[in-house]
């Protein structure tokens, strides 16, 4: 006789949770490197974006100073 669908569903969740908890104990250098690279990449993008915005603002300010009203 087969198990009811509800029991099979909850059993599959338990098996998945057991696998996840077993994998958390092992250090995964690839994921750490990926996470660090993602953070560094985000920081570089924000610095470049801030630099571009600053250059545009300074260009507009200098252009308006040279032009008499």
N, C-alpha and C. Protein backbone atom coordinates (compact mmCIF):
# COMPACT_ATOMS: atom_id res chain seq x y z
N UNK A 1 0.83 -1.17 0.00
CA UNK A 1 0.00 0.00 0.00
C UNK A 1 0.89 1.25 0.00
N UNK A 2 0.57 2.23 -0.82
CA UNK A 2 1.42 3.41 -0.90
C UNK A 2 1.00 4.44 0.15
N UNK A 3 1.95 5.32 0.44
CA UNK A 3 1.70 6.35 1.44
C UNK A 3 0.78 7.41 0.85
N UNK A 4 0.00 8.06 1.67
CA UNK A 4 -0.83 9.16 1.16
C UNK A 4 0.06 10.31 0.66
N UNK A 5 -0.50 11.10 -0.23
CA UNK A 5 0.27 12.19 -0.85
C UNK A 5 0.77 13.18 0.20
N UNK A 6 -0.04 13.44 1.20
CA UNK A 6 0.35 14.40 2.23
C UNK A 6 1.59 13.90 2.98
N UNK A 7 1.62 12.64 3.32
CA UNK A 7 2.75 12.07 4.05
C UNK A 7 4.01 12.07 3.18
N UNK A 8 3.87 11.77 1.91
CA UNK A 8 5.02 11.80 1.00
C UNK A 8 5.57 13.21 0.87
N UNK A 9 4.66 14.20 0.79
CA UNK A 9 5.08 15.59 0.66
C UNK A 9 5.91 16.03 1.87
N UNK A 10 5.41 15.77 3.06
CA UNK A 10 6.13 16.19 4.26
C UNK A 10 7.42 15.40 4.45
N UNK A 11 7.44 14.16 4.01
CA UNK A 11 8.66 13.37 4.07
C UNK A 11 9.72 13.94 3.13
N UNK A 12 9.31 14.41 1.96
CA UNK A 12 10.27 15.00 1.02
C UNK A 12 10.84 16.30 1.59
N UNK A 13 10.01 17.07 2.31
CA UNK A 13 10.52 18.29 2.93
C UNK A 13 11.56 17.96 4.00
N UNK A 14 11.32 16.90 4.76
CA UNK A 14 12.25 16.50 5.80
C UNK A 14 13.58 16.06 5.19
N UNK A 15 13.51 15.30 4.11
CA UNK A 15 14.73 14.84 3.43
C UNK A 15 15.51 16.04 2.89
N UNK A 16 14.81 17.00 2.29
CA UNK A 16 15.47 18.19 1.76
C UNK A 16 16.12 19.00 2.87
N UNK A 17 15.45 19.15 3.99
CA UNK A 17 16.01 19.89 5.13
C UNK A 17 17.24 19.17 5.68
N UNK A 18 17.20 17.84 5.72
CA UNK A 18 18.35 17.08 6.21
C UNK A 18 19.56 17.28 5.29
N UNK A 19 19.32 17.27 3.98
CA UNK A 19 20.42 17.49 3.03
C UNK A 19 21.01 18.88 3.19
N UNK A 20 20.15 19.87 3.37
CA UNK A 20 20.62 21.25 3.51
C UNK A 20 21.44 21.42 4.78
N UNK A 21 21.01 20.82 5.87
CA UNK A 21 21.75 20.97 7.12
C UNK A 21 23.09 20.23 7.04
N UNK A 22 23.14 19.14 6.30
CA UNK A 22 24.40 18.42 6.14
C UNK A 22 25.39 19.23 5.31
N UNK A 23 24.88 19.94 4.30
CA UNK A 23 25.76 20.71 3.42
C UNK A 23 26.26 21.99 4.08
N UNK A 24 25.56 22.49 5.10
CA UNK A 24 25.99 23.72 5.76
C UNK A 24 27.28 23.51 6.54
N UNK A 25 27.54 22.30 6.96
CA UNK A 25 28.74 22.03 7.74
C UNK A 25 30.02 22.05 6.93
N UNK A 26 29.92 21.89 5.62
CA UNK A 26 31.12 21.85 4.78
C UNK A 26 31.41 23.24 4.25
N UNK A 27 32.65 23.69 4.35
CA UNK A 27 32.99 25.01 3.81
C UNK A 27 33.01 24.96 2.29
N UNK A 28 32.40 25.94 1.69
CA UNK A 28 32.34 25.98 0.23
C UNK A 28 33.07 27.24 -0.23
N UNK A 29 34.33 27.08 -0.63
CA UNK A 29 35.17 28.22 -0.99
C UNK A 29 34.63 28.93 -2.22
N UNK A 30 34.03 28.20 -3.14
CA UNK A 30 33.49 28.82 -4.35
C UNK A 30 32.41 29.83 -4.03
N UNK A 31 31.52 29.50 -3.11
CA UNK A 31 30.45 30.42 -2.76
C UNK A 31 30.98 31.65 -2.04
N UNK A 32 32.00 31.46 -1.20
CA UNK A 32 32.59 32.59 -0.49
C UNK A 32 33.25 33.54 -1.48
N UNK A 33 33.99 32.99 -2.43
CA UNK A 33 34.65 33.82 -3.44
C UNK A 33 33.62 34.53 -4.32
N UNK A 34 32.55 33.84 -4.65
CA UNK A 34 31.49 34.45 -5.46
C UNK A 34 30.86 35.61 -4.71
N UNK A 35 30.58 35.41 -3.44
CA UNK A 35 29.97 36.47 -2.64
C UNK A 35 30.88 37.67 -2.49
N UNK A 36 32.16 37.42 -2.26
CA UNK A 36 33.13 38.52 -2.12
C UNK A 36 33.27 39.28 -3.44
N UNK A 37 33.33 38.55 -4.54
CA UNK A 37 33.43 39.20 -5.85
C UNK A 37 32.20 40.03 -6.16
N UNK A 38 31.04 39.55 -5.75
CA UNK A 38 29.80 40.29 -5.96
C UNK A 38 29.82 41.60 -5.18
N UNK A 39 30.28 41.55 -3.93
CA UNK A 39 30.33 42.76 -3.10
C UNK A 39 31.33 43.76 -3.67
N UNK A 40 32.50 43.28 -4.06
CA UNK A 40 33.53 44.17 -4.63
C UNK A 40 33.03 44.76 -5.95
N UNK A 41 32.38 43.96 -6.76
CA UNK A 41 31.84 44.45 -8.03
C UNK A 41 30.79 45.52 -7.82
N UNK A 42 29.91 45.32 -6.85
CA UNK A 42 28.89 46.32 -6.55
C UNK A 42 29.54 47.62 -6.09
N UNK A 43 30.57 47.52 -5.25
CA UNK A 43 31.25 48.72 -4.76
C UNK A 43 31.89 49.48 -5.92
N UNK A 44 32.51 48.77 -6.84
CA UNK A 44 33.15 49.42 -7.99
C UNK A 44 32.11 50.12 -8.86
N UNK A 45 30.99 49.47 -9.09
CA UNK A 45 29.93 50.08 -9.91
C UNK A 45 29.42 51.36 -9.26
N UNK A 46 29.19 51.34 -7.95
CA UNK A 46 28.69 52.53 -7.26
C UNK A 46 29.72 53.66 -7.28
N UNK A 47 31.00 53.34 -7.13
CA UNK A 47 32.04 54.38 -7.17
C UNK A 47 32.11 55.00 -8.56
N UNK A 48 32.06 54.19 -9.60
CA UNK A 48 32.11 54.71 -10.97
C UNK A 48 30.87 55.55 -11.25
N UNK A 49 29.71 55.08 -10.83
CA UNK A 49 28.47 55.83 -11.04
C UNK A 49 28.50 57.18 -10.32
N UNK A 50 28.99 57.19 -9.09
CA UNK A 50 29.11 58.45 -8.34
C UNK A 50 30.09 59.39 -9.03
N UNK A 51 31.18 58.85 -9.57
CA UNK A 51 32.15 59.67 -10.29
C UNK A 51 31.56 60.30 -11.54
N UNK A 52 30.79 59.53 -12.28
CA UNK A 52 30.17 60.05 -13.50
C UNK A 52 29.18 61.16 -13.15
N UNK A 53 28.38 60.95 -12.12
CA UNK A 53 27.41 61.97 -11.71
C UNK A 53 28.14 63.23 -11.24
N UNK A 54 29.22 63.07 -10.49
CA UNK A 54 29.99 64.21 -10.00
C UNK A 54 30.60 65.00 -11.17
N UNK A 55 31.13 64.31 -12.16
CA UNK A 55 31.71 64.98 -13.32
C UNK A 55 30.64 65.76 -14.08
N UNK A 56 29.46 65.19 -14.23
CA UNK A 56 28.37 65.88 -14.93
C UNK A 56 27.96 67.13 -14.16
N UNK A 57 27.83 67.02 -12.84
CA UNK A 57 27.44 68.18 -12.03
C UNK A 57 28.50 69.27 -12.11
N UNK A 58 29.78 68.90 -11.99
CA UNK A 58 30.85 69.89 -12.08
C UNK A 58 30.90 70.54 -13.46
N UNK A 59 30.64 69.77 -14.50
CA UNK A 59 30.62 70.32 -15.86
C UNK A 59 29.51 71.36 -16.00
N UNK A 60 28.34 71.07 -15.47
CA UNK A 60 27.21 72.01 -15.55
C UNK A 60 27.51 73.27 -14.75
N UNK A 61 28.08 73.12 -13.55
CA UNK A 61 28.40 74.29 -12.72
C UNK A 61 29.43 75.17 -13.41
N UNK A 62 30.49 74.58 -13.95
CA UNK A 62 31.53 75.37 -14.63
C UNK A 62 31.00 76.02 -15.90
N UNK A 63 30.13 75.37 -16.61
CA UNK A 63 29.56 75.93 -17.82
C UNK A 63 28.70 77.15 -17.49
N UNK A 64 27.97 77.09 -16.40
CA UNK A 64 27.11 78.21 -16.02
C UNK A 64 27.91 79.38 -15.47
N UNK A 65 29.08 79.14 -14.89
CA UNK A 65 29.92 80.23 -14.39
C UNK A 65 30.50 81.05 -15.53
N UNK A 66 30.84 80.41 -16.63
CA UNK A 66 31.46 81.11 -17.75
C UNK A 66 30.45 81.93 -18.54
N UNK A 67 29.19 81.53 -18.54
CA UNK A 67 28.17 82.19 -19.34
C UNK A 67 27.55 83.33 -18.53
N UNK A 68 27.64 84.58 -18.98
CA UNK A 68 27.01 85.67 -18.24
C UNK A 68 25.49 85.63 -18.41
N UNK A 69 24.80 86.10 -17.41
CA UNK A 69 23.33 86.11 -17.46
C UNK A 69 22.80 87.31 -18.18
